[in-house]
Amino acid sequence: MSTENDIEYRSLDTQLRHEARCTALSGSQISFICEQAIDEGKALEVIVHTHNPKNPYFTTYIETLKTKKIQQEQYEVQAAIKIIKGN
Protein backbone atom coordinates (compact mmCIF):
# COMPACT_ATOMS: atom_id res chain seq x y z
CA MET A 1 0.00 0.00 0.00
CA SER A 2 1.39 3.37 -0.98
CA THR A 3 1.20 5.91 1.82
CA GLU A 4 2.50 9.30 2.90
CA ASN A 5 2.82 9.19 6.67
CA ASP A 6 5.33 10.84 8.94
CA ILE A 7 7.34 8.43 11.03
CA GLU A 8 9.87 8.55 13.84
CA TYR A 9 12.52 5.87 14.18
CA ARG A 10 15.35 4.95 16.50
CA SER A 11 17.93 2.24 16.79
CA LEU A 12 17.16 -0.10 19.66
CA ASP A 13 20.51 0.75 21.27
CA THR A 14 19.76 4.50 21.62
CA GLN A 15 16.96 6.88 22.61
CA LEU A 16 17.81 9.35 19.81
CA ARG A 17 14.85 9.61 17.42
CA HIS A 18 14.92 10.64 13.77
CA GLU A 19 12.09 11.79 11.52
CA ALA A 20 11.33 10.30 8.11
CA ARG A 21 8.55 9.92 5.54
CA CYS A 22 6.87 6.55 5.02
CA THR A 23 6.30 5.82 1.32
CA ALA A 24 4.90 2.27 1.41
CA LEU A 25 3.44 0.07 4.11
CA SER A 26 2.07 -3.48 4.18
CA GLY A 27 1.55 -6.10 6.85
CA SER A 28 5.09 -7.37 6.36
CA GLN A 29 7.20 -4.48 4.98
CA ILE A 30 7.72 -0.74 5.24
CA SER A 31 9.65 1.71 3.05
CA PHE A 32 10.64 5.22 4.05
CA ILE A 33 12.82 8.17 3.04
CA CYS A 34 15.33 9.47 5.59
CA GLU A 35 18.44 11.65 5.78
CA GLN A 36 21.05 9.01 6.67
CA ALA A 37 22.02 5.57 5.44
CA ILE A 38 21.00 2.70 7.70
CA ASP A 39 22.95 -0.57 7.68
CA GLU A 40 21.23 -3.72 6.46
CA GLY A 41 20.09 -5.96 9.31
CA LYS A 42 19.67 -3.05 11.74
CA ALA A 43 16.82 -3.38 14.26
CA LEU A 44 14.72 -0.22 14.63
CA GLU A 45 11.66 0.92 16.51
CA VAL A 46 9.35 2.92 14.23
CA ILE A 47 6.37 5.06 15.24
CA VAL A 48 3.99 5.56 12.30
CA HIS A 49 1.74 8.62 12.60
CA THR A 50 -1.62 7.93 10.97
CA HIS A 51 -4.38 10.18 9.65
CA ASN A 52 -6.91 8.46 11.94
CA PRO A 53 -7.88 10.54 15.01
CA LYS A 54 -9.04 7.41 16.89
CA ASN A 55 -5.63 5.74 16.39
CA PRO A 56 -3.14 8.55 15.78
CA TYR A 57 -0.09 6.29 15.71
CA PHE A 58 1.21 2.76 16.08
CA THR A 59 4.63 1.34 16.88
CA THR A 60 6.41 -1.33 14.90
CA TYR A 61 9.76 -3.05 15.19
CA ILE A 62 11.61 -3.63 11.94
CA GLU A 63 14.77 -5.09 10.44
CA THR A 64 16.30 -3.13 7.58
CA LEU A 65 16.69 -5.04 4.32
CA LYS A 66 18.07 -2.46 1.91
CA THR A 67 19.15 1.19 1.85
CA LYS A 68 19.54 3.08 -1.41
CA LYS A 69 20.89 6.61 -1.81
CA ILE A 70 18.42 8.55 -3.95
CA GLN A 71 20.06 11.98 -3.73
CA GLN A 72 22.37 14.03 -1.51
CA GLU A 73 21.54 13.20 2.15
CA GLN A 74 18.39 11.31 1.16
CA TYR A 75 18.02 7.53 1.38
CA GLU A 76 15.23 5.07 0.70
CA VAL A 77 15.07 2.30 3.29
CA GLN A 78 13.17 -0.95 2.84
CA ALA A 79 12.56 -3.09 5.91
CA ALA A 80 10.74 -6.16 7.16
CA ILE A 81 8.16 -5.63 9.88
CA LYS A 82 8.78 -8.01 12.76
CA ILE A 83 6.25 -6.79 15.41
CA ILE A 84 3.35 -4.30 15.32
CA LYS A 85 2.01 -2.77 18.54
CA GLY A 86 -1.02 -0.51 18.94
CA ASN A 87 -0.88 2.80 20.78
PDB file of N, CA and C in Angstrom:
ATOM      1  N   MET A   1       0.844  -1.169   0.000  1.00  0.00           N
ATOM      2  CA  MET A   1       0.000   0.000   0.000  1.00  0.00           C
ATOM      3  C   MET A   1       0.892   1.236   0.000  1.00  0.00           C
ATOM      4  N   SER A   2       0.664   2.107  -0.928  1.00  0.00           N
ATOM      5  CA  SER A   2       1.389   3.370  -0.978  1.00  0.00           C
ATOM      6  C   SER A   2       0.807   4.300   0.081  1.00  0.00           C
ATOM      7  N   THR A   3       1.665   5.039   0.750  1.00  0.00           N
ATOM      8  CA  THR A   3       1.200   5.907   1.825  1.00  0.00           C
ATOM      9  C   THR A   3       2.126   7.108   1.950  1.00  0.00           C
ATOM     10  N   GLU A   4       1.682   8.116   2.606  1.00  0.00           N
ATOM     11  CA  GLU A   4       2.501   9.295   2.898  1.00  0.00           C
ATOM     12  C   GLU A   4       2.281   9.662   4.357  1.00  0.00           C
ATOM     13  N   ASN A   5       2.939   8.939   5.247  1.00  0.00           N
ATOM     14  CA  ASN A   5       2.819   9.194   6.674  1.00  0.00           C
ATOM     15  C   ASN A   5       4.167   9.613   7.239  1.00  0.00           C
ATOM     16  N   ASP A   6       4.124  10.508   8.213  1.00  0.00           N
ATOM     17  CA  ASP A   6       5.332  10.844   8.945  1.00  0.00           C
ATOM     18  C   ASP A   6       5.644   9.701   9.896  1.00  0.00           C
ATOM     19  N   ILE A   7       6.917   9.433  10.069  1.00  0.00           N
ATOM     20  CA  ILE A   7       7.336   8.426  11.035  1.00  0.00           C
ATOM     21  C   ILE A   7       8.481   8.967  11.874  1.00  0.00           C
ATOM     22  N   GLU A   8       8.697   8.331  13.008  1.00  0.00           N
ATOM     23  CA  GLU A   8       9.874   8.546  13.838  1.00  0.00           C
ATOM     24  C   GLU A   8      10.523   7.182  13.995  1.00  0.00           C
ATOM     25  N   TYR A   9      11.848   7.149  13.987  1.00  0.00           N
ATOM     26  CA  TYR A   9      12.522   5.871  14.181  1.00  0.00           C
ATOM     27  C   TYR A   9      13.745   6.062  15.064  1.00  0.00           C
ATOM     28  N   ARG A  10      14.137   4.955  15.675  1.00  0.00           N
ATOM     29  CA  ARG A  10      15.349   4.954  16.496  1.00  0.00           C
ATOM     30  C   ARG A  10      15.935   3.562  16.484  1.00  0.00           C
ATOM     31  N   SER A  11      17.233   3.506  16.604  1.00  0.00           N
ATOM     32  CA  SER A  11      17.928   2.238  16.786  1.00  0.00           C
ATOM     33  C   SER A  11      17.600   1.735  18.182  1.00  0.00           C
ATOM     34  N   LEU A  12      17.517   0.444  18.359  1.00  0.00           N
ATOM     35  CA  LEU A  12      17.157  -0.100  19.665  1.00  0.00           C
ATOM     36  C   LEU A  12      18.236   0.113  20.721  1.00  0.00           C
ATOM     37  N   ASP A  13      19.439   0.520  20.304  1.00  0.00           N
ATOM     38  CA  ASP A  13      20.511   0.750  21.271  1.00  0.00           C
ATOM     39  C   ASP A  13      20.669   2.225  21.647  1.00  0.00           C
ATOM     40  N   THR A  14      19.699   3.081  21.279  1.00  0.00           N
ATOM     41  CA  THR A  14      19.756   4.497  21.621  1.00  0.00           C
ATOM     42  C   THR A  14      18.350   5.054  21.796  1.00  0.00           C
ATOM     43  N   GLN A  15      18.246   6.192  22.459  1.00  0.00           N
ATOM     44  CA  GLN A  15      16.955   6.878  22.609  1.00  0.00           C
ATOM     45  C   GLN A  15      16.797   8.004  21.589  1.00  0.00           C
ATOM     46  N   LEU A  16      17.836   8.270  20.794  1.00  0.00           N
ATOM     47  CA  LEU A  16      17.811   9.348  19.806  1.00  0.00           C
ATOM     48  C   LEU A  16      16.859   8.995  18.668  1.00  0.00           C
ATOM     49  N   ARG A  17      15.851   9.834  18.466  1.00  0.00           N
ATOM     50  CA  ARG A  17      14.846   9.607  17.424  1.00  0.00           C
ATOM     51  C   ARG A  17      15.133  10.475  16.201  1.00  0.00           C
ATOM     52  N   HIS A  18      14.771   9.938  15.036  1.00  0.00           N
ATOM     53  CA  HIS A  18      14.917  10.639  13.773  1.00  0.00           C
ATOM     54  C   HIS A  18      13.556  10.675  13.086  1.00  0.00           C
ATOM     55  N   GLU A  19      13.332  11.689  12.275  1.00  0.00           N
ATOM     56  CA  GLU A  19      12.088  11.792  11.523  1.00  0.00           C
ATOM     57  C   GLU A  19      12.311  11.324  10.093  1.00  0.00           C
ATOM     58  N   ALA A  20      11.261  10.773   9.486  1.00  0.00           N
ATOM     59  CA  ALA A  20      11.327  10.299   8.108  1.00  0.00           C
ATOM     60  C   ALA A  20       9.923  10.330   7.524  1.00  0.00           C
ATOM     61  N   ARG A  21       9.832   9.952   6.247  1.00  0.00           N
ATOM     62  CA  ARG A  21       8.551   9.921   5.538  1.00  0.00           C
ATOM     63  C   ARG A  21       8.305   8.521   5.004  1.00  0.00           C
ATOM     64  N   CYS A  22       7.233   7.891   5.481  1.00  0.00           N
ATOM     65  CA  CYS A  22       6.868   6.553   5.023  1.00  0.00           C
ATOM     66  C   CYS A  22       6.311   6.666   3.601  1.00  0.00           C
ATOM     67  N   THR A  23       6.770   5.797   2.710  1.00  0.00           N
ATOM     68  CA  THR A  23       6.302   5.820   1.322  1.00  0.00           C
ATOM     69  C   THR A  23       5.494   4.586   0.949  1.00  0.00           C
ATOM     70  N   ALA A  24       5.669   3.490   1.673  1.00  0.00           N
ATOM     71  CA  ALA A  24       4.902   2.273   1.411  1.00  0.00           C
ATOM     72  C   ALA A  24       4.820   1.461   2.699  1.00  0.00           C
ATOM     73  N   LEU A  25       3.664   0.816   2.894  1.00  0.00           N
ATOM     74  CA  LEU A  25       3.438   0.066   4.114  1.00  0.00           C
ATOM     75  C   LEU A  25       2.524  -1.114   3.813  1.00  0.00           C
ATOM     76  N   SER A  26       2.919  -2.290   4.287  1.00  0.00           N
ATOM     77  CA  SER A  26       2.070  -3.483   4.180  1.00  0.00           C
ATOM     78  C   SER A  26       2.139  -4.200   5.518  1.00  0.00           C
ATOM     79  N   GLY A  27       1.510  -5.342   5.615  1.00  0.00           N
ATOM     80  CA  GLY A  27       1.553  -6.099   6.855  1.00  0.00           C
ATOM     81  C   GLY A  27       2.917  -6.675   7.167  1.00  0.00           C
ATOM     82  N   SER A  28       3.787  -6.748   6.148  1.00  0.00           N
ATOM     83  CA  SER A  28       5.088  -7.375   6.358  1.00  0.00           C
ATOM     84  C   SER A  28       6.290  -6.483   6.043  1.00  0.00           C
ATOM     85  N   GLN A  29       6.071  -5.350   5.340  1.00  0.00           N
ATOM     86  CA  GLN A  29       7.198  -4.477   4.984  1.00  0.00           C
ATOM     87  C   GLN A  29       6.818  -3.005   5.077  1.00  0.00           C
ATOM     88  N   ILE A  30       7.861  -2.187   5.218  1.00  0.00           N
ATOM     89  CA  ILE A  30       7.719  -0.737   5.237  1.00  0.00           C
ATOM     90  C   ILE A  30       8.877  -0.146   4.450  1.00  0.00           C
ATOM     91  N   SER A  31       8.601   0.946   3.742  1.00  0.00           N
ATOM     92  CA  SER A  31       9.645   1.714   3.053  1.00  0.00           C
ATOM     93  C   SER A  31       9.525   3.164   3.500  1.00  0.00           C
ATOM     94  N   PHE A  32      10.673   3.819   3.657  1.00  0.00           N
ATOM     95  CA  PHE A  32      10.640   5.223   4.049  1.00  0.00           C
ATOM     96  C   PHE A  32      11.865   5.952   3.525  1.00  0.00           C
ATOM     97  N   ILE A  33      11.739   7.276   3.477  1.00  0.00           N
ATOM     98  CA  ILE A  33      12.815   8.167   3.045  1.00  0.00           C
ATOM     99  C   ILE A  33      13.364   8.866   4.280  1.00  0.00           C
ATOM    100  N   CYS A  34      14.695   8.837   4.444  1.00  0.00           N
ATOM    101  CA  CYS A  34      15.331   9.474   5.591  1.00  0.00           C
ATOM    102  C   CYS A  34      16.618  10.174   5.152  1.00  0.00           C
ATOM    103  N   GLU A  35      17.274  10.838   6.092  1.00  0.00           N
ATOM    104  CA  GLU A  35      18.444  11.653   5.777  1.00  0.00           C
ATOM    105  C   GLU A  35      19.782  10.944   5.963  1.00  0.00           C
ATOM    106  N   GLN A  36      19.783   9.716   6.496  1.00  0.00           N
ATOM    107  CA  GLN A  36      21.049   9.009   6.670  1.00  0.00           C
ATOM    108  C   GLN A  36      20.906   7.554   6.246  1.00  0.00           C
ATOM    109  N   ALA A  37      22.008   6.981   5.817  1.00  0.00           N
ATOM    110  CA  ALA A  37      22.019   5.572   5.445  1.00  0.00           C
ATOM    111  C   ALA A  37      21.882   4.732   6.704  1.00  0.00           C
ATOM    112  N   ILE A  38      21.178   3.618   6.579  1.00  0.00           N
ATOM    113  CA  ILE A  38      21.002   2.698   7.698  1.00  0.00           C
ATOM    114  C   ILE A  38      21.509   1.335   7.238  1.00  0.00           C
ATOM    115  N   ASP A  39      22.373   0.728   8.028  1.00  0.00           N
ATOM    116  CA  ASP A  39      22.952  -0.569   7.675  1.00  0.00           C
ATOM    117  C   ASP A  39      21.882  -1.645   7.536  1.00  0.00           C
ATOM    118  N   GLU A  40      22.106  -2.559   6.605  1.00  0.00           N
ATOM    119  CA  GLU A  40      21.226  -3.722   6.459  1.00  0.00           C
ATOM    120  C   GLU A  40      21.292  -4.559   7.725  1.00  0.00           C
ATOM    121  N   GLY A  41      20.147  -5.125   8.123  1.00  0.00           N
ATOM    122  CA  GLY A  41      20.092  -5.959   9.313  1.00  0.00           C
ATOM    123  C   GLY A  41      19.927  -5.195  10.609  1.00  0.00           C
ATOM    124  N   LYS A  42      19.809  -3.877  10.541  1.00  0.00           N
ATOM    125  CA  LYS A  42      19.668  -3.048  11.739  1.00  0.00           C
ATOM    126  C   LYS A  42      18.250  -3.164  12.288  1.00  0.00           C
ATOM    127  N   ALA A  43      18.125  -3.330  13.601  1.00  0.00           N
ATOM    128  CA  ALA A  43      16.824  -3.376  14.264  1.00  0.00           C
ATOM    129  C   ALA A  43      16.434  -1.961  14.685  1.00  0.00           C
ATOM    130  N   LEU A  44      15.213  -1.555  14.319  1.00  0.00           N
ATOM    131  CA  LEU A  44      14.723  -0.217  14.626  1.00  0.00           C
ATOM    132  C   LEU A  44      13.323  -0.281  15.224  1.00  0.00           C
ATOM    133  N   GLU A  45      13.027   0.682  16.071  1.00  0.00           N
ATOM    134  CA  GLU A  45      11.662   0.924  16.515  1.00  0.00           C
ATOM    135  C   GLU A  45      11.128   2.066  15.661  1.00  0.00           C
ATOM    136  N   VAL A  46       9.937   1.909  15.100  1.00  0.00           N
ATOM    137  CA  VAL A  46       9.347   2.923  14.229  1.00  0.00           C
ATOM    138  C   VAL A  46       7.961   3.283  14.754  1.00  0.00           C
ATOM    139  N   ILE A  47       7.702   4.569  14.901  1.00  0.00           N
ATOM    140  CA  ILE A  47       6.371   5.061  15.240  1.00  0.00           C
ATOM    141  C   ILE A  47       5.785   5.659  13.973  1.00  0.00           C
ATOM    142  N   VAL A  48       4.674   5.091  13.513  1.00  0.00           N
ATOM    143  CA  VAL A  48       3.992   5.565  12.304  1.00  0.00           C
ATOM    144  C   VAL A  48       2.823   6.440  12.730  1.00  0.00           C
ATOM    145  N   HIS A  49       2.830   7.690  12.307  1.00  0.00           N
ATOM    146  CA  HIS A  49       1.736   8.617  12.598  1.00  0.00           C
ATOM    147  C   HIS A  49       0.681   8.451  11.509  1.00  0.00           C
ATOM    148  N   THR A  50      -0.546   8.185  11.921  1.00  0.00           N
ATOM    149  CA  THR A  50      -1.625   7.927  10.972  1.00  0.00           C
ATOM    150  C   THR A  50      -2.480   9.176  10.787  1.00  0.00           C
ATOM    151  N   HIS A  51      -3.426   9.086   9.885  1.00  0.00           N
ATOM    152  CA  HIS A  51      -4.382  10.176   9.649  1.00  0.00           C
ATOM    153  C   HIS A  51      -5.715   9.864  10.331  1.00  0.00           C
ATOM    154  N   ASN A  52      -5.711   8.900  11.254  1.00  0.00           N
ATOM    155  CA  ASN A  52      -6.914   8.462  11.937  1.00  0.00           C
ATOM    156  C   ASN A  52      -6.930   9.034  13.355  1.00  0.00           C
ATOM    157  N   PRO A  53      -7.869   9.937  13.671  1.00  0.00           N
ATOM    158  CA  PRO A  53      -7.877  10.539  15.009  1.00  0.00           C
ATOM    159  C   PRO A  53      -8.137   9.545  16.143  1.00  0.00           C
ATOM    160  N   LYS A  54      -8.786   8.417  15.853  1.00  0.00           N
ATOM    161  CA  LYS A  54      -9.039   7.409  16.887  1.00  0.00           C
ATOM    162  C   LYS A  54      -7.789   6.597  17.194  1.00  0.00           C
ATOM    163  N   ASN A  55      -6.911   6.443  16.228  1.00  0.00           N
ATOM    164  CA  ASN A  55      -5.634   5.737  16.388  1.00  0.00           C
ATOM    165  C   ASN A  55      -4.548   6.572  15.729  1.00  0.00           C
ATOM    166  N   PRO A  56      -4.059   7.604  16.411  1.00  0.00           N
ATOM    167  CA  PRO A  56      -3.144   8.555  15.780  1.00  0.00           C
ATOM    168  C   PRO A  56      -1.752   8.018  15.450  1.00  0.00           C
ATOM    169  N   TYR A  57      -1.398   6.880  16.016  1.00  0.00           N
ATOM    170  CA  TYR A  57      -0.086   6.294  15.711  1.00  0.00           C
ATOM    171  C   TYR A  57      -0.076   4.822  16.110  1.00  0.00           C
ATOM    172  N   PHE A  58       0.919   4.098  15.593  1.00  0.00           N
ATOM    173  CA  PHE A  58       1.208   2.757  16.082  1.00  0.00           C
ATOM    174  C   PHE A  58       2.716   2.560  16.017  1.00  0.00           C
ATOM    175  N   THR A  59       3.198   1.614  16.789  1.00  0.00           N
ATOM    176  CA  THR A  59       4.629   1.335  16.876  1.00  0.00           C
ATOM    177  C   THR A  59       4.906  -0.014  16.235  1.00  0.00           C
ATOM    178  N   THR A  60       5.994  -0.076  15.508  1.00  0.00           N
ATOM    179  CA  THR A  60       6.411  -1.332  14.902  1.00  0.00           C
ATOM    180  C   THR A  60       7.923  -1.498  15.082  1.00  0.00           C
ATOM    181  N   TYR A  61       8.339  -2.735  15.110  1.00  0.00           N
ATOM    182  CA  TYR A  61       9.763  -3.053  15.187  1.00  0.00           C
ATOM    183  C   TYR A  61      10.146  -3.701  13.874  1.00  0.00           C
ATOM    184  N   ILE A  62      11.234  -3.212  13.283  1.00  0.00           N
ATOM    185  CA  ILE A  62      11.606  -3.633  11.938  1.00  0.00           C
ATOM    186  C   ILE A  62      13.061  -4.076  11.870  1.00  0.00           C
ATOM    187  N   GLU A  63      13.381  -4.756  10.779  1.00  0.00           N
ATOM    188  CA  GLU A  63      14.766  -5.091  10.442  1.00  0.00           C
ATOM    189  C   GLU A  63      15.017  -4.563   9.036  1.00  0.00           C
ATOM    190  N   THR A  64      16.029  -3.714   8.885  1.00  0.00           N
ATOM    191  CA  THR A  64      16.302  -3.133   7.577  1.00  0.00           C
ATOM    192  C   THR A  64      16.811  -4.187   6.606  1.00  0.00           C
ATOM    193  N   LEU A  65      16.311  -4.107   5.366  1.00  0.00           N
ATOM    194  CA  LEU A  65      16.693  -5.044   4.323  1.00  0.00           C
ATOM    195  C   LEU A  65      17.611  -4.404   3.291  1.00  0.00           C
ATOM    196  N   LYS A  66      17.341  -3.130   2.982  1.00  0.00           N
ATOM    197  CA  LYS A  66      18.069  -2.460   1.906  1.00  0.00           C
ATOM    198  C   LYS A  66      17.996  -0.952   2.095  1.00  0.00           C
ATOM    199  N   THR A  67      19.115  -0.274   1.849  1.00  0.00           N
ATOM    200  CA  THR A  67      19.151   1.187   1.855  1.00  0.00           C
ATOM    201  C   THR A  67      19.749   1.643   0.537  1.00  0.00           C
ATOM    202  N   LYS A  68      19.084   2.573  -0.118  1.00  0.00           N
ATOM    203  CA  LYS A  68      19.544   3.076  -1.413  1.00  0.00           C
ATOM    204  C   LYS A  68      19.604   4.598  -1.370  1.00  0.00           C
ATOM    205  N   LYS A  69      20.755   5.156  -1.743  1.00  0.00           N
ATOM    206  CA  LYS A  69      20.894   6.606  -1.812  1.00  0.00           C
ATOM    207  C   LYS A  69      20.119   7.087  -3.033  1.00  0.00           C
ATOM    208  N   ILE A  70      19.210   8.047  -2.821  1.00  0.00           N
ATOM    209  CA  ILE A  70      18.421   8.552  -3.945  1.00  0.00           C
ATOM    210  C   ILE A  70      18.818   9.969  -4.343  1.00  0.00           C
ATOM    211  N   GLN A  71      19.437  10.686  -3.429  1.00  0.00           N
ATOM    212  CA  GLN A  71      20.060  11.978  -3.729  1.00  0.00           C
ATOM    213  C   GLN A  71      20.878  12.397  -2.520  1.00  0.00           C
ATOM    214  N   GLN A  72      21.506  13.552  -2.594  1.00  0.00           N
ATOM    215  CA  GLN A  72      22.366  14.026  -1.509  1.00  0.00           C
ATOM    216  C   GLN A  72      21.607  14.025  -0.185  1.00  0.00           C
ATOM    217  N   GLU A  73      22.118  13.304   0.809  1.00  0.00           N
ATOM    218  CA  GLU A  73      21.537  13.201   2.148  1.00  0.00           C
ATOM    219  C   GLU A  73      20.082  12.752   2.138  1.00  0.00           C
ATOM    220  N   GLN A  74      19.737  11.880   1.195  1.00  0.00           N
ATOM    221  CA  GLN A  74      18.392  11.313   1.159  1.00  0.00           C
ATOM    222  C   GLN A  74      18.485   9.852   0.742  1.00  0.00           C
ATOM    223  N   TYR A  75      17.914   8.972   1.575  1.00  0.00           N
ATOM    224  CA  TYR A  75      18.018   7.533   1.378  1.00  0.00           C
ATOM    225  C   TYR A  75      16.635   6.897   1.446  1.00  0.00           C
ATOM    226  N   GLU A  76      16.440   5.875   0.620  1.00  0.00           N
ATOM    227  CA  GLU A  76      15.228   5.075   0.695  1.00  0.00           C
ATOM    228  C   GLU A  76      15.574   3.785   1.421  1.00  0.00           C
ATOM    229  N   VAL A  77      14.828   3.490   2.477  1.00  0.00           N
ATOM    230  CA  VAL A  77      15.065   2.300   3.292  1.00  0.00           C
ATOM    231  C   VAL A  77      13.883   1.354   3.128  1.00  0.00           C
ATOM    232  N   GLN A  78      14.189   0.091   2.880  1.00  0.00           N
ATOM    233  CA  GLN A  78      13.172  -0.953   2.841  1.00  0.00           C
ATOM    234  C   GLN A  78      13.445  -1.884   4.015  1.00  0.00           C
ATOM    235  N   ALA A  79      12.374  -2.274   4.712  1.00  0.00           N
ATOM    236  CA  ALA A  79      12.556  -3.086   5.914  1.00  0.00           C
ATOM    237  C   ALA A  79      11.415  -4.080   6.088  1.00  0.00           C
ATOM    238  N   ALA A  80      11.731  -5.155   6.797  1.00  0.00           N
ATOM    239  CA  ALA A  80      10.740  -6.165   7.164  1.00  0.00           C
ATOM    240  C   ALA A  80      10.152  -5.807   8.524  1.00  0.00           C
ATOM    241  N   ILE A  81       8.835  -5.860   8.616  1.00  0.00           N
ATOM    242  CA  ILE A  81       8.157  -5.634   9.883  1.00  0.00           C
ATOM    243  C   ILE A  81       8.184  -6.932  10.687  1.00  0.00           C
ATOM    244  N   LYS A  82       8.685  -6.840  11.903  1.00  0.00           N
ATOM    245  CA  LYS A  82       8.785  -8.012  12.765  1.00  0.00           C
ATOM    246  C   LYS A  82       7.649  -8.049  13.802  1.00  0.00           C
ATOM    247  N   ILE A  83       7.298  -6.886  14.380  1.00  0.00           N
ATOM    248  CA  ILE A  83       6.251  -6.786  15.406  1.00  0.00           C
ATOM    249  C   ILE A  83       5.491  -5.479  15.186  1.00  0.00           C
ATOM    250  N   ILE A  84       4.177  -5.510  15.354  1.00  0.00           N
ATOM    251  CA  ILE A  84       3.351  -4.299  15.317  1.00  0.00           C
ATOM    252  C   ILE A  84       2.626  -4.205  16.657  1.00  0.00           C
ATOM    253  N   LYS A  85       2.716  -3.032  17.290  1.00  0.00           N
ATOM    254  CA  LYS A  85       2.014  -2.770  18.537  1.00  0.00           C
ATOM    255  C   LYS A  85       1.044  -1.618  18.320  1.00  0.00           C
ATOM    256  N   GLY A  86      -0.094  -1.637  18.983  1.00  0.00           N
ATOM    257  CA  GLY A  86      -1.022  -0.510  18.941  1.00  0.00           C
ATOM    258  C   GLY A  86      -0.522   0.616  19.820  1.00  0.00           C
ATOM    259  N   ASN A  87      -1.308   1.676  19.940  1.00  0.00           N
ATOM    260  CA  ASN A  87      -0.880   2.801  20.784  1.00  0.00           C
ATOM    261  C   ASN A  87      -1.382   2.675  22.184  1.00  0.00           C
TER     262      ASN A  87
END
